Amino acid sequence: MAAGLLALGTYAPSKVLHNKDLESFMDTSDEWITTRTGIRERRVSELNEYASDLAVKAVRDLVRRHGEQALEGVDQVVVATNTPDAFFPNTAALVANELGLKGAAGYDLLAGCPGWLYALAQAAGQVEAGVARKVLVIGSEVLTKIVDWRDRSSAVLFGDAAGAAVVGPVAEGHGFRSFVLGADGSGGGALHFAAIASSLPDGTRMGAAAYMNGREVFKFAVRVMDTATVEAIEKAGMHPDDISLFVPHQANERIIDAARERLGLEWDRVVMNLDRYGNTSTASIPLALQEALDAGKIKDGDHLLFVSFGAGLTWAATVLTWGGA
């Protein structure tokens, strides 16, 4: 049994924080941010709006687009997030309850920005094995609540959003064709946010706000975006020329451009919306994918390439043949 995406929906808060707004309280400028990242604005959640709230709104958008029947048969809910409402109860259980999916299995997945792709891999495997009929996979983040707004090197990068997809059986020749997942904990000190421990096993001290060593993460990202995408394409038995659309993690324009060039893809085969949303972590790929669908850039049988990298350090890539529902 092949597994693929049956439905998709997204949500981004209405509040927009422009680069110019940051100039009023931070030592930065619109030009500095744009030239180094490609980001011009990001969305910010309300004070009382959390990952579970954004997740539910993304699912409601999915239902608006595809109808209530899209959730029929969902027996698992997975929320990939780095900003859960609480350690427990898990965010997925809260979301399932709010959506009336009581009884469905629910768990959170913590794997940095690639969390949504990690969750897709788990969901696809369980559907193909017959463990689950349909899995609701959500990426939801309220990263603006954990950044240090005095740190221009990292705070300017992040935004809040959510994306939700239903993974289920699809026709032969469609669905997920390969997955590449990896992690290297030796780089954990380059991108971290404290929970219970005050330091990592290597002695790296952690504080009450997210920290990122931009230089180290950039070097890692350029390298892994290359190796992971090539490996995913090869595992799918394809060539870069077979890729109809490249949907990368929306973190930095220069990183995306480097990956695009390595694959030999023109910009019209790449989806990029980070200028309007910033880095929304686990929500970035579904958010970009939905925009591509809305723009009519994807048709049945197209081969899509997703790739992401993030804290852990972790990475993930997958090739998906669209359609077949």
C-alpha atoms as a PDB file:
ATOM      1  CA  MET A   1       0.000   0.000   0.000  1.00  0.00           C
ATOM      2  CA  ALA A   2       1.393   3.394  -0.999  1.00  0.00           C
ATOM      3  CA  ALA A   3       0.938   6.396   1.318  1.00  0.00           C
ATOM      4  CA  GLY A   4       0.703  10.036   0.279  1.00  0.00           C
ATOM      5  CA  LEU A   5      -0.878  13.380   1.109  1.00  0.00           C
ATOM      6  CA  LEU A   6      -4.676  13.402   0.884  1.00  0.00           C
ATOM      7  CA  ALA A   7      -5.379  16.928   2.142  1.00  0.00           C
ATOM      8  CA  LEU A   8      -3.558  20.034   3.299  1.00  0.00           C
ATOM      9  CA  GLY A   9      -4.364  23.203   5.235  1.00  0.00           C
ATOM     10  CA  THR A  10      -2.414  26.063   6.837  1.00  0.00           C
ATOM     11  CA  TYR A  11      -2.737  28.976   9.216  1.00  0.00           C
ATOM     12  CA  ALA A  12      -0.658  32.077   9.938  1.00  0.00           C
ATOM     13  CA  PRO A  13      -1.538  34.734  12.534  1.00  0.00           C
ATOM     14  CA  SER A  14      -2.824  38.024  11.166  1.00  0.00           C
ATOM     15  CA  LYS A  15      -0.312  40.186  13.046  1.00  0.00           C
ATOM     16  CA  VAL A  16       2.611  41.122  10.782  1.00  0.00           C
ATOM     17  CA  LEU A  17       5.982  42.289  12.120  1.00  0.00           C
ATOM     18  CA  HIS A  18       7.974  44.059   9.393  1.00  0.00           C
ATOM     19  CA  ASN A  19      11.726  44.535   9.399  1.00  0.00           C
ATOM     20  CA  LYS A  20      11.109  48.269   9.742  1.00  0.00           C
ATOM     21  CA  ASP A  21       9.199  47.579  12.975  1.00  0.00           C
ATOM     22  CA  LEU A  22      12.271  45.877  14.437  1.00  0.00           C
ATOM     23  CA  GLU A  23      14.378  48.981  13.868  1.00  0.00           C
ATOM     24  CA  SER A  24      12.434  50.768  16.608  1.00  0.00           C
ATOM     25  CA  PHE A  25      13.727  48.528  19.408  1.00  0.00           C
ATOM     26  CA  MET A  26      16.629  46.509  18.000  1.00  0.00           C
ATOM     27  CA  ASP A  27      20.065  47.352  16.596  1.00  0.00           C
ATOM     28  CA  THR A  28      19.247  46.237  13.062  1.00  0.00           C
ATOM     29  CA  SER A  29      17.831  47.489   9.771  1.00  0.00           C
ATOM     30  CA  ASP A  30      15.579  46.307   6.992  1.00  0.00           C
ATOM     31  CA  GLU A  31      18.573  46.228   4.633  1.00  0.00           C
ATOM     32  CA  TRP A  32      20.715  44.205   7.077  1.00  0.00           C
ATOM     33  CA  ILE A  33      18.037  41.550   7.541  1.00  0.00           C
ATOM     34  CA  THR A  34      16.960  41.332   3.907  1.00  0.00           C
ATOM     35  CA  THR A  35      20.433  41.078   2.386  1.00  0.00           C
ATOM     36  CA  ARG A  36      21.534  38.362   4.843  1.00  0.00           C
ATOM     37  CA  THR A  37      18.363  36.269   4.987  1.00  0.00           C
ATOM     38  CA  GLY A  38      15.801  37.327   2.384  1.00  0.00           C
ATOM     39  CA  ILE A  39      13.226  37.886   5.144  1.00  0.00           C
ATOM     40  CA  ARG A  40      11.133  41.066   5.018  1.00  0.00           C
ATOM     41  CA  GLU A  41       8.374  40.271   7.528  1.00  0.00           C
ATOM     42  CA  ARG A  42       7.045  37.519   9.791  1.00  0.00           C
ATOM     43  CA  ARG A  43       3.787  36.619  11.557  1.00  0.00           C
ATOM     44  CA  VAL A  44       3.419  36.890  15.324  1.00  0.00           C
ATOM     45  CA  SER A  45       0.897  35.007  17.445  1.00  0.00           C
ATOM     46  CA  GLU A  46      -1.239  36.749  20.051  1.00  0.00           C
ATOM     47  CA  LEU A  47      -0.188  36.568  23.707  1.00  0.00           C
ATOM     48  CA  ASN A  48      -2.791  33.896  24.465  1.00  0.00           C
ATOM     49  CA  GLU A  49      -2.353  32.003  21.169  1.00  0.00           C
ATOM     50  CA  TYR A  50      -0.282  28.827  21.380  1.00  0.00           C
ATOM     51  CA  ALA A  51       0.857  25.900  19.237  1.00  0.00           C
ATOM     52  CA  SER A  52      -2.370  23.966  19.826  1.00  0.00           C
ATOM     53  CA  ASP A  53      -4.446  26.985  18.750  1.00  0.00           C
ATOM     54  CA  LEU A  54      -2.505  27.433  15.508  1.00  0.00           C
ATOM     55  CA  ALA A  55      -2.667  23.688  14.843  1.00  0.00           C
ATOM     56  CA  VAL A  56      -6.453  23.573  15.210  1.00  0.00           C
ATOM     57  CA  LYS A  57      -6.840  26.559  12.898  1.00  0.00           C
ATOM     58  CA  ALA A  58      -4.654  24.878  10.263  1.00  0.00           C
ATOM     59  CA  VAL A  59      -6.820  21.752  10.426  1.00  0.00           C
ATOM     60  CA  ARG A  60      -9.966  23.838  10.120  1.00  0.00           C
ATOM     61  CA  ASP A  61      -8.485  25.377   6.988  1.00  0.00           C
ATOM     62  CA  LEU A  62      -7.857  21.849   5.713  1.00  0.00           C
ATOM     63  CA  VAL A  63     -11.523  20.975   6.340  1.00  0.00           C
ATOM     64  CA  ARG A  64     -12.627  24.189   4.637  1.00  0.00           C
ATOM     65  CA  ARG A  65     -10.680  23.202   1.567  1.00  0.00           C
ATOM     66  CA  HIS A  66     -11.436  19.485   1.477  1.00  0.00           C
ATOM     67  CA  GLY A  67     -14.598  18.936   3.517  1.00  0.00           C
ATOM     68  CA  GLU A  68     -15.310  17.136   6.779  1.00  0.00           C
ATOM     69  CA  GLN A  69     -14.747  13.782   5.063  1.00  0.00           C
ATOM     70  CA  ALA A  70     -11.015  14.541   4.976  1.00  0.00           C
ATOM     71  CA  LEU A  71     -10.824  13.693   8.702  1.00  0.00           C
ATOM     72  CA  GLU A  72     -12.976  10.550   8.466  1.00  0.00           C
ATOM     73  CA  GLY A  73     -10.895   7.534   9.457  1.00  0.00           C
ATOM     74  CA  VAL A  74      -8.105   9.542  11.105  1.00  0.00           C
ATOM     75  CA  ASP A  75      -6.845   7.328  13.916  1.00  0.00           C
ATOM     76  CA  GLN A  76      -3.609   9.123  14.776  1.00  0.00           C
ATOM     77  CA  VAL A  77      -2.709  12.784  15.343  1.00  0.00           C
ATOM     78  CA  VAL A  78       0.945  13.817  15.355  1.00  0.00           C
ATOM     79  CA  VAL A  79       2.076  17.357  16.126  1.00  0.00           C
ATOM     80  CA  ALA A  80       5.645  18.211  15.187  1.00  0.00           C
ATOM     81  CA  THR A  81       6.612  21.259  17.226  1.00  0.00           C
ATOM     82  CA  ASN A  82       9.488  22.878  19.067  1.00  0.00           C
ATOM     83  CA  THR A  83       7.136  25.088  21.072  1.00  0.00           C
ATOM     84  CA  PRO A  84       4.528  22.762  22.631  1.00  0.00           C
ATOM     85  CA  ASP A  85       1.857  24.128  24.958  1.00  0.00           C
ATOM     86  CA  ALA A  86       3.239  21.901  27.723  1.00  0.00           C
ATOM     87  CA  PHE A  87       5.489  18.900  28.306  1.00  0.00           C
ATOM     88  CA  PHE A  88       2.292  17.069  29.209  1.00  0.00           C
ATOM     89  CA  PRO A  89      -0.465  16.779  28.244  1.00  0.00           C
ATOM     90  CA  ASN A  90       0.953  16.566  24.756  1.00  0.00           C
ATOM     91  CA  THR A  91      -0.194  19.111  22.191  1.00  0.00           C
ATOM     92  CA  ALA A  92      -1.538  16.443  19.835  1.00  0.00           C
ATOM     93  CA  ALA A  93      -3.966  15.166  22.478  1.00  0.00           C
ATOM     94  CA  LEU A  94      -5.239  18.711  23.037  1.00  0.00           C
ATOM     95  CA  VAL A  95      -5.668  19.227  19.299  1.00  0.00           C
ATOM     96  CA  ALA A  96      -7.432  15.885  18.800  1.00  0.00           C
ATOM     97  CA  ASN A  97      -9.859  16.716  21.605  1.00  0.00           C
ATOM     98  CA  GLU A  98     -10.609  20.155  20.163  1.00  0.00           C
ATOM     99  CA  LEU A  99     -11.296  18.614  16.749  1.00  0.00           C
ATOM    100  CA  GLY A 100     -13.579  15.886  18.117  1.00  0.00           C
ATOM    101  CA  LEU A 101     -11.088  13.108  17.343  1.00  0.00           C
ATOM    102  CA  LYS A 102     -11.326  11.553  20.790  1.00  0.00           C
ATOM    103  CA  GLY A 103      -9.820   8.099  20.888  1.00  0.00           C
ATOM    104  CA  ALA A 104      -7.297   8.790  18.150  1.00  0.00           C
ATOM    105  CA  ALA A 105      -3.700   8.207  19.184  1.00  0.00           C
ATOM    106  CA  GLY A 106      -1.903  11.474  19.799  1.00  0.00           C
ATOM    107  CA  TYR A 107       1.728  12.360  20.339  1.00  0.00           C
ATOM    108  CA  ASP A 108       4.163  15.212  19.796  1.00  0.00           C
ATOM    109  CA  LEU A 109       7.373  14.896  17.805  1.00  0.00           C
ATOM    110  CA  LEU A 110      10.409  17.004  18.676  1.00  0.00           C
ATOM    111  CA  ALA A 111      13.083  16.996  15.950  1.00  0.00           C
ATOM    112  CA  GLY A 112      13.824  20.639  15.229  1.00  0.00           C
ATOM    113  CA  CYS A 113      12.695  22.195  11.977  1.00  0.00           C
ATOM    114  CA  PRO A 114      12.626  18.834  10.102  1.00  0.00           C
ATOM    115  CA  GLY A 115       9.979  17.595  12.554  1.00  0.00           C
ATOM    116  CA  TRP A 116       7.146  17.711   9.990  1.00  0.00           C
ATOM    117  CA  LEU A 117       9.134  15.550   7.570  1.00  0.00           C
ATOM    118  CA  TYR A 118      10.047  13.150  10.384  1.00  0.00           C
ATOM    119  CA  ALA A 119       6.340  12.909  11.219  1.00  0.00           C
ATOM    120  CA  LEU A 120       5.432  12.306   7.567  1.00  0.00           C
ATOM    121  CA  ALA A 121       7.909   9.430   7.472  1.00  0.00           C
ATOM    122  CA  GLN A 122       6.355   7.853  10.565  1.00  0.00           C
ATOM    123  CA  ALA A 123       2.835   8.382   9.253  1.00  0.00           C
ATOM    124  CA  ALA A 124       3.621   6.941   5.822  1.00  0.00           C
ATOM    125  CA  GLY A 125       5.265   3.892   7.374  1.00  0.00           C
ATOM    126  CA  GLN A 126       2.294   3.211   9.638  1.00  0.00           C
ATOM    127  CA  VAL A 127      -0.222   3.591   6.817  1.00  0.00           C
ATOM    128  CA  GLU A 128       1.801   1.327   4.527  1.00  0.00           C
ATOM    129  CA  ALA A 129       2.126  -1.255   7.313  1.00  0.00           C
ATOM    130  CA  GLY A 130      -1.590  -1.162   8.085  1.00  0.00           C
ATOM    131  CA  VAL A 131      -1.053   0.152  11.614  1.00  0.00           C
ATOM    132  CA  ALA A 132      -3.017   3.312  10.824  1.00  0.00           C
ATOM    133  CA  ARG A 133      -5.691   4.165   8.260  1.00  0.00           C
ATOM    134  CA  LYS A 134      -5.107   7.920   8.177  1.00  0.00           C
ATOM    135  CA  VAL A 135      -2.702  10.097  10.150  1.00  0.00           C
ATOM    136  CA  LEU A 136      -3.179  13.816  10.730  1.00  0.00           C
ATOM    137  CA  VAL A 137       0.321  15.321  10.647  1.00  0.00           C
ATOM    138  CA  ILE A 138       0.677  18.895  11.900  1.00  0.00           C
ATOM    139  CA  GLY A 139       3.609  21.281  12.162  1.00  0.00           C
ATOM    140  CA  SER A 140       2.827  24.161  14.523  1.00  0.00           C
ATOM    141  CA  GLU A 141       5.117  26.804  16.004  1.00  0.00           C
ATOM    142  CA  VAL A 142       4.966  29.931  18.182  1.00  0.00           C
ATOM    143  CA  LEU A 143       8.682  30.645  17.968  1.00  0.00           C
ATOM    144  CA  THR A 144       8.288  34.370  18.586  1.00  0.00           C
ATOM    145  CA  LYS A 145       7.468  33.476  22.207  1.00  0.00           C
ATOM    146  CA  ILE A 146      10.897  31.933  22.879  1.00  0.00           C
ATOM    147  CA  VAL A 147      13.329  34.256  21.074  1.00  0.00           C
ATOM    148  CA  ASP A 148      15.447  36.939  22.738  1.00  0.00           C
ATOM    149  CA  TRP A 149      14.217  40.137  21.098  1.00  0.00           C
ATOM    150  CA  ARG A 150      17.528  41.812  21.983  1.00  0.00           C
ATOM    151  CA  ASP A 151      19.461  39.356  19.819  1.00  0.00           C
ATOM    152  CA  ARG A 152      19.367  40.583  16.232  1.00  0.00           C
ATOM    153  CA  SER A 153      21.272  37.530  14.981  1.00  0.00           C
ATOM    154  CA  SER A 154      18.396  35.135  15.698  1.00  0.00           C
ATOM    155  CA  ALA A 155      15.204  36.951  16.731  1.00  0.00           C
ATOM    156  CA  VAL A 156      14.751  38.496  13.284  1.00  0.00           C
ATOM    157  CA  LEU A 157      14.588  35.055  11.665  1.00  0.00           C
ATOM    158  CA  PHE A 158      11.530  33.424  13.175  1.00  0.00           C
ATOM    159  CA  GLY A 159       7.787  33.599  12.708  1.00  0.00           C
ATOM    160  CA  ASP A 160       4.670  31.731  13.831  1.00  0.00           C
ATOM    161  CA  ALA A 161       2.458  29.462  11.684  1.00  0.00           C
ATOM    162  CA  ALA A 162       1.003  25.983  11.331  1.00  0.00           C
ATOM    163  CA  GLY A 163       0.413  23.461   8.570  1.00  0.00           C
ATOM    164  CA  ALA A 164      -1.659  20.267   8.641  1.00  0.00           C
ATOM    165  CA  ALA A 165      -1.855  17.303   6.282  1.00  0.00           C
ATOM    166  CA  VAL A 166      -3.733  14.013   6.172  1.00  0.00           C
ATOM    167  CA  VAL A 167      -1.534  11.053   5.226  1.00  0.00           C
ATOM    168  CA  GLY A 168      -3.346   8.031   3.864  1.00  0.00           C
ATOM    169  CA  PRO A 169      -3.467   5.418   1.079  1.00  0.00           C
ATOM    170  CA  VAL A 170      -2.964   6.572  -2.504  1.00  0.00           C
ATOM    171  CA  ALA A 171      -2.969   4.863  -5.883  1.00  0.00           C
ATOM    172  CA  GLU A 172       0.068   2.953  -7.114  1.00  0.00           C
ATOM    173  CA  GLY A 173       2.692   5.190  -8.665  1.00  0.00           C
ATOM    174  CA  HIS A 174       1.881   8.042  -6.302  1.00  0.00           C
ATOM    175  CA  GLY A 175       2.823   8.940  -2.741  1.00  0.00           C
ATOM    176  CA  PHE A 176       6.127   9.018  -0.898  1.00  0.00           C
ATOM    177  CA  ARG A 177       8.996   7.537  -2.887  1.00  0.00           C
ATOM    178  CA  SER A 178      11.863   7.972  -0.417  1.00  0.00           C
ATOM    179  CA  PHE A 179      12.810   9.375   2.967  1.00  0.00           C
ATOM    180  CA  VAL A 180      16.188  10.458   4.298  1.00  0.00           C
ATOM    181  CA  LEU A 181      16.403  11.200   8.024  1.00  0.00           C
ATOM    182  CA  GLY A 182      19.487  12.022  10.063  1.00  0.00           C
ATOM    183  CA  ALA A 183      20.859  13.618  13.209  1.00  0.00           C
ATOM    184  CA  ASP A 184      24.218  14.692  14.639  1.00  0.00           C
ATOM    185  CA  GLY A 185      24.040  15.528  18.329  1.00  0.00           C
ATOM    186  CA  SER A 186      27.626  16.780  18.366  1.00  0.00           C
ATOM    187  CA  GLY A 187      26.278  19.982  16.812  1.00  0.00           C
ATOM    188  CA  GLY A 188      23.585  20.465  19.448  1.00  0.00           C
ATOM    189  CA  GLY A 189      25.344  23.478  20.927  1.00  0.00           C
ATOM    190  CA  ALA A 190      24.842  25.461  17.724  1.00  0.00           C
ATOM    191  CA  LEU A 191      21.068  25.732  18.141  1.00  0.00           C
ATOM    192  CA  HIS A 192      19.310  25.175  21.451  1.00  0.00           C
ATOM    193  CA  PHE A 193      16.599  26.176  23.922  1.00  0.00           C
ATOM    194  CA  ALA A 194      16.557  25.011  27.540  1.00  0.00           C
ATOM    195  CA  ALA A 195      13.822  22.808  29.012  1.00  0.00           C
ATOM    196  CA  ILE A 196      14.843  21.035  32.226  1.00  0.00           C
ATOM    197  CA  ALA A 197      18.634  20.786  31.986  1.00  0.00           C
ATOM    198  CA  SER A 198      20.681  23.962  32.290  1.00  0.00           C
ATOM    199  CA  SER A 199      23.401  22.607  30.014  1.00  0.00           C
ATOM    200  CA  LEU A 200      23.952  20.031  27.270  1.00  0.00           C
ATOM    201  CA  PRO A 201      26.059  16.883  27.900  1.00  0.00           C
ATOM    202  CA  ASP A 202      29.077  18.633  26.344  1.00  0.00           C
ATOM    203  CA  GLY A 203      28.791  21.441  28.892  1.00  0.00           C
ATOM    204  CA  THR A 204      27.122  24.028  26.628  1.00  0.00           C
ATOM    205  CA  ARG A 205      25.099  26.317  28.863  1.00  0.00           C
ATOM    206  CA  MET A 206      21.490  27.036  27.875  1.00  0.00           C
ATOM    207  CA  GLY A 207      19.274  29.941  28.822  1.00  0.00           C
ATOM    208  CA  ALA A 208      15.637  30.981  28.828  1.00  0.00           C
ATOM    209  CA  ALA A 209      15.639  32.024  25.156  1.00  0.00           C
ATOM    210  CA  ALA A 210      16.494  30.245  21.926  1.00  0.00           C
ATOM    211  CA  TYR A 211      20.131  30.535  20.861  1.00  0.00           C
ATOM    212  CA  MET A 212      21.661  30.001  17.436  1.00  0.00           C
ATOM    213  CA  ASN A 213      25.228  30.143  16.192  1.00  0.00           C
ATOM    214  CA  GLY A 214      24.305  31.453  12.763  1.00  0.00           C
ATOM    215  CA  ARG A 215      27.686  30.813  11.141  1.00  0.00           C
ATOM    216  CA  GLU A 216      27.818  27.165  12.201  1.00  0.00           C
ATOM    217  CA  VAL A 217      24.192  26.461  11.325  1.00  0.00           C
ATOM    218  CA  PHE A 218      24.646  28.093   7.923  1.00  0.00           C
ATOM    219  CA  LYS A 219      27.635  25.867   7.078  1.00  0.00           C
ATOM    220  CA  PHE A 220      25.791  22.779   8.273  1.00  0.00           C
ATOM    221  CA  ALA A 221      22.637  23.712   6.359  1.00  0.00           C
ATOM    222  CA  VAL A 222      24.384  24.277   3.034  1.00  0.00           C
ATOM    223  CA  ARG A 223      26.159  20.931   3.353  1.00  0.00           C
ATOM    224  CA  VAL A 224      23.172  18.861   4.438  1.00  0.00           C
ATOM    225  CA  MET A 225      20.720  20.463   1.984  1.00  0.00           C
ATOM    226  CA  ASP A 226      23.070  19.170  -0.716  1.00  0.00           C
ATOM    227  CA  THR A 227      23.680  15.650   0.572  1.00  0.00           C
ATOM    228  CA  ALA A 228      20.140  14.950   1.795  1.00  0.00           C
ATOM    229  CA  THR A 229      18.412  16.085  -1.397  1.00  0.00           C
ATOM    230  CA  VAL A 230      20.760  14.108  -3.637  1.00  0.00           C
ATOM    231  CA  GLU A 231      20.317  10.999  -1.476  1.00  0.00           C
ATOM    232  CA  ALA A 232      16.520  11.309  -1.443  1.00  0.00           C
ATOM    233  CA  ILE A 233      16.399  11.656  -5.229  1.00  0.00           C
ATOM    234  CA  GLU A 234      18.694   8.656  -5.704  1.00  0.00           C
ATOM    235  CA  LYS A 235      16.705   6.506  -3.242  1.00  0.00           C
ATOM    236  CA  ALA A 236      13.581   7.353  -5.247  1.00  0.00           C
ATOM    237  CA  GLY A 237      15.319   6.092  -8.391  1.00  0.00           C
ATOM    238  CA  MET A 238      15.185   9.531  -9.964  1.00  0.00           C
ATOM    239  CA  HIS A 239      17.395  12.302 -11.325  1.00  0.00           C
ATOM    240  CA  PRO A 240      17.193  16.008 -10.418  1.00  0.00           C
ATOM    241  CA  ASP A 241      15.676  16.606 -13.852  1.00  0.00           C
ATOM    242  CA  ASP A 242      12.697  14.495 -12.744  1.00  0.00           C
ATOM    243  CA  ILE A 243      11.845  16.914  -9.916  1.00  0.00           C
ATOM    244  CA  SER A 244       8.897  19.097 -10.858  1.00  0.00           C
ATOM    245  CA  LEU A 245       9.040  21.335  -7.802  1.00  0.00           C
ATOM    246  CA  PHE A 246      11.524  21.856  -4.963  1.00  0.00           C
ATOM    247  CA  VAL A 247       9.912  22.843  -1.637  1.00  0.00           C
ATOM    248  CA  PRO A 248      12.738  23.524   0.851  1.00  0.00           C
ATOM    249  CA  HIS A 249      12.673  24.573   4.477  1.00  0.00           C
ATOM    250  CA  GLN A 250      12.253  28.351   4.509  1.00  0.00           C
ATOM    251  CA  ALA A 251      15.180  29.511   6.619  1.00  0.00           C
ATOM    252  CA  ASN A 252      17.526  31.572   4.482  1.00  0.00           C
ATOM    253  CA  GLU A 253      17.451  32.641   0.832  1.00  0.00           C
ATOM    254  CA  ARG A 254      21.178  32.026   0.342  1.00  0.00           C
ATOM    255  CA  ILE A 255      20.880  28.458   1.647  1.00  0.00           C
ATOM    256  CA  ILE A 256      17.955  27.756  -0.676  1.00  0.00           C
ATOM    257  CA  ASP A 257      19.833  29.274  -3.616  1.00  0.00           C
ATOM    258  CA  ALA A 258      22.872  27.069  -2.958  1.00  0.00           C
ATOM    259  CA  ALA A 259      20.710  23.937  -2.920  1.00  0.00           C
ATOM    260  CA  ARG A 260      18.887  25.049  -6.054  1.00  0.00           C
ATOM    261  CA  GLU A 261      22.149  25.531  -7.933  1.00  0.00           C
ATOM    262  CA  ARG A 262      23.521  22.162  -6.799  1.00  0.00           C
ATOM    263  CA  LEU A 263      20.400  20.456  -8.175  1.00  0.00           C
ATOM    264  CA  GLY A 264      20.512  22.446 -11.393  1.00  0.00           C
ATOM    265  CA  LEU A 265      16.992  23.833 -10.933  1.00  0.00           C
ATOM    266  CA  GLU A 266      15.736  27.159 -12.234  1.00  0.00           C
ATOM    267  CA  TRP A 267      13.897  29.422  -9.783  1.00  0.00           C
ATOM    268  CA  ASP A 268      10.524  28.609 -11.403  1.00  0.00           C
ATOM    269  CA  ARG A 269      10.876  25.079  -9.984  1.00  0.00           C
ATOM    270  CA  VAL A 270      11.556  26.320  -6.435  1.00  0.00           C
ATOM    271  CA  VAL A 271       8.997  27.486  -3.873  1.00  0.00           C
ATOM    272  CA  MET A 272      10.111  30.320  -1.608  1.00  0.00           C
ATOM    273  CA  ASN A 273       7.937  32.455   0.676  1.00  0.00           C
ATOM    274  CA  LEU A 274      10.302  33.167   3.578  1.00  0.00           C
ATOM    275  CA  ASP A 275      10.280  36.865   2.674  1.00  0.00           C
ATOM    276  CA  ARG A 276       6.705  37.033   4.053  1.00  0.00           C
ATOM    277  CA  TYR A 277       6.805  34.487   6.882  1.00  0.00           C
ATOM    278  CA  GLY A 278      10.403  34.058   8.018  1.00  0.00           C
ATOM    279  CA  ASN A 279      11.491  30.724   9.438  1.00  0.00           C
ATOM    280  CA  THR A 280       8.380  28.986  10.808  1.00  0.00           C
ATOM    281  CA  SER A 281      10.285  25.762  11.527  1.00  0.00           C
ATOM    282  CA  THR A 282       8.021  22.691  11.266  1.00  0.00           C
ATOM    283  CA  ALA A 283       5.316  24.768   9.555  1.00  0.00           C
ATOM    284  CA  SER A 284       7.512  26.163   6.791  1.00  0.00           C
ATOM    285  CA  ILE A 285       7.234  23.355   4.227  1.00  0.00           C
ATOM    286  CA  PRO A 286       3.443  22.839   4.466  1.00  0.00           C
ATOM    287  CA  LEU A 287       2.984  26.625   4.335  1.00  0.00           C
ATOM    288  CA  ALA A 288       5.075  26.856   1.145  1.00  0.00           C
ATOM    289  CA  LEU A 289       3.458  23.748  -0.333  1.00  0.00           C
ATOM    290  CA  GLN A 290      -0.042  25.158   0.142  1.00  0.00           C
ATOM    291  CA  GLU A 291       0.949  28.388  -1.586  1.00  0.00           C
ATOM    292  CA  ALA A 292       2.288  26.399  -4.548  1.00  0.00           C
ATOM    293  CA  LEU A 293      -0.976  24.464  -4.755  1.00  0.00           C
ATOM    294  CA  ASP A 294      -3.033  27.651  -4.576  1.00  0.00           C
ATOM    295  CA  ALA A 295      -0.942  29.114  -7.389  1.00  0.00           C
ATOM    296  CA  GLY A 296      -1.630  26.076  -9.599  1.00  0.00           C
ATOM    297  CA  LYS A 297       2.030  25.034  -9.706  1.00  0.00           C
ATOM    298  CA  ILE A 298       1.369  21.365  -8.875  1.00  0.00           C
ATOM    299  CA  LYS A 299      -0.489  18.781 -10.932  1.00  0.00           C
ATOM    300  CA  ASP A 300      -1.182  15.060 -10.611  1.00  0.00           C
ATOM    301  CA  GLY A 301       1.953  12.975 -11.109  1.00  0.00           C
ATOM    302  CA  ASP A 302       4.420  15.776 -10.332  1.00  0.00           C
ATOM    303  CA  HIS A 303       7.485  14.731  -8.347  1.00  0.00           C
ATOM    304  CA  LEU A 304       8.047  17.049  -5.368  1.00  0.00           C
ATOM    305  CA  LEU A 305      11.227  17.312  -3.311  1.00  0.00           C
ATOM    306  CA  PHE A 306      11.110  18.445   0.330  1.00  0.00           C
ATOM    307  CA  VAL A 307      14.163  19.059   2.521  1.00  0.00           C
ATOM    308  CA  SER A 308      14.707  20.566   5.970  1.00  0.00           C
ATOM    309  CA  PHE A 309      17.409  21.032   8.618  1.00  0.00           C
ATOM    310  CA  GLY A 310      17.445  22.278  12.180  1.00  0.00           C
ATOM    311  CA  ALA A 311      18.233  21.880  15.858  1.00  0.00           C
ATOM    312  CA  GLY A 312      19.653  18.554  16.914  1.00  0.00           C
ATOM    313  CA  LEU A 313      21.351  18.993  14.560  1.00  0.00           C
ATOM    314  CA  THR A 314      18.840  17.166  12.371  1.00  0.00           C
ATOM    315  CA  TRP A 315      17.931  16.889   8.714  1.00  0.00           C
ATOM    316  CA  ALA A 316      15.313  15.227   6.520  1.00  0.00           C
ATOM    317  CA  ALA A 317      14.363  14.977   2.860  1.00  0.00           C
ATOM    318  CA  THR A 318      11.658  13.183   0.917  1.00  0.00           C
ATOM    319  CA  VAL A 319      10.431  12.749  -2.647  1.00  0.00           C
ATOM    320  CA  LEU A 320       6.660  12.671  -3.109  1.00  0.00           C
ATOM    321  CA  THR A 321       4.706  11.946  -6.273  1.00  0.00           C
ATOM    322  CA  TRP A 322       1.620  14.127  -6.031  1.00  0.00           C
ATOM    323  CA  GLY A 323      -1.949  12.852  -6.349  1.00  0.00           C
ATOM    324  CA  GLY A 324      -3.460   9.398  -6.383  1.00  0.00           C
ATOM    325  CA  ALA A 325      -6.065  10.081  -3.699  1.00  0.00           C
END
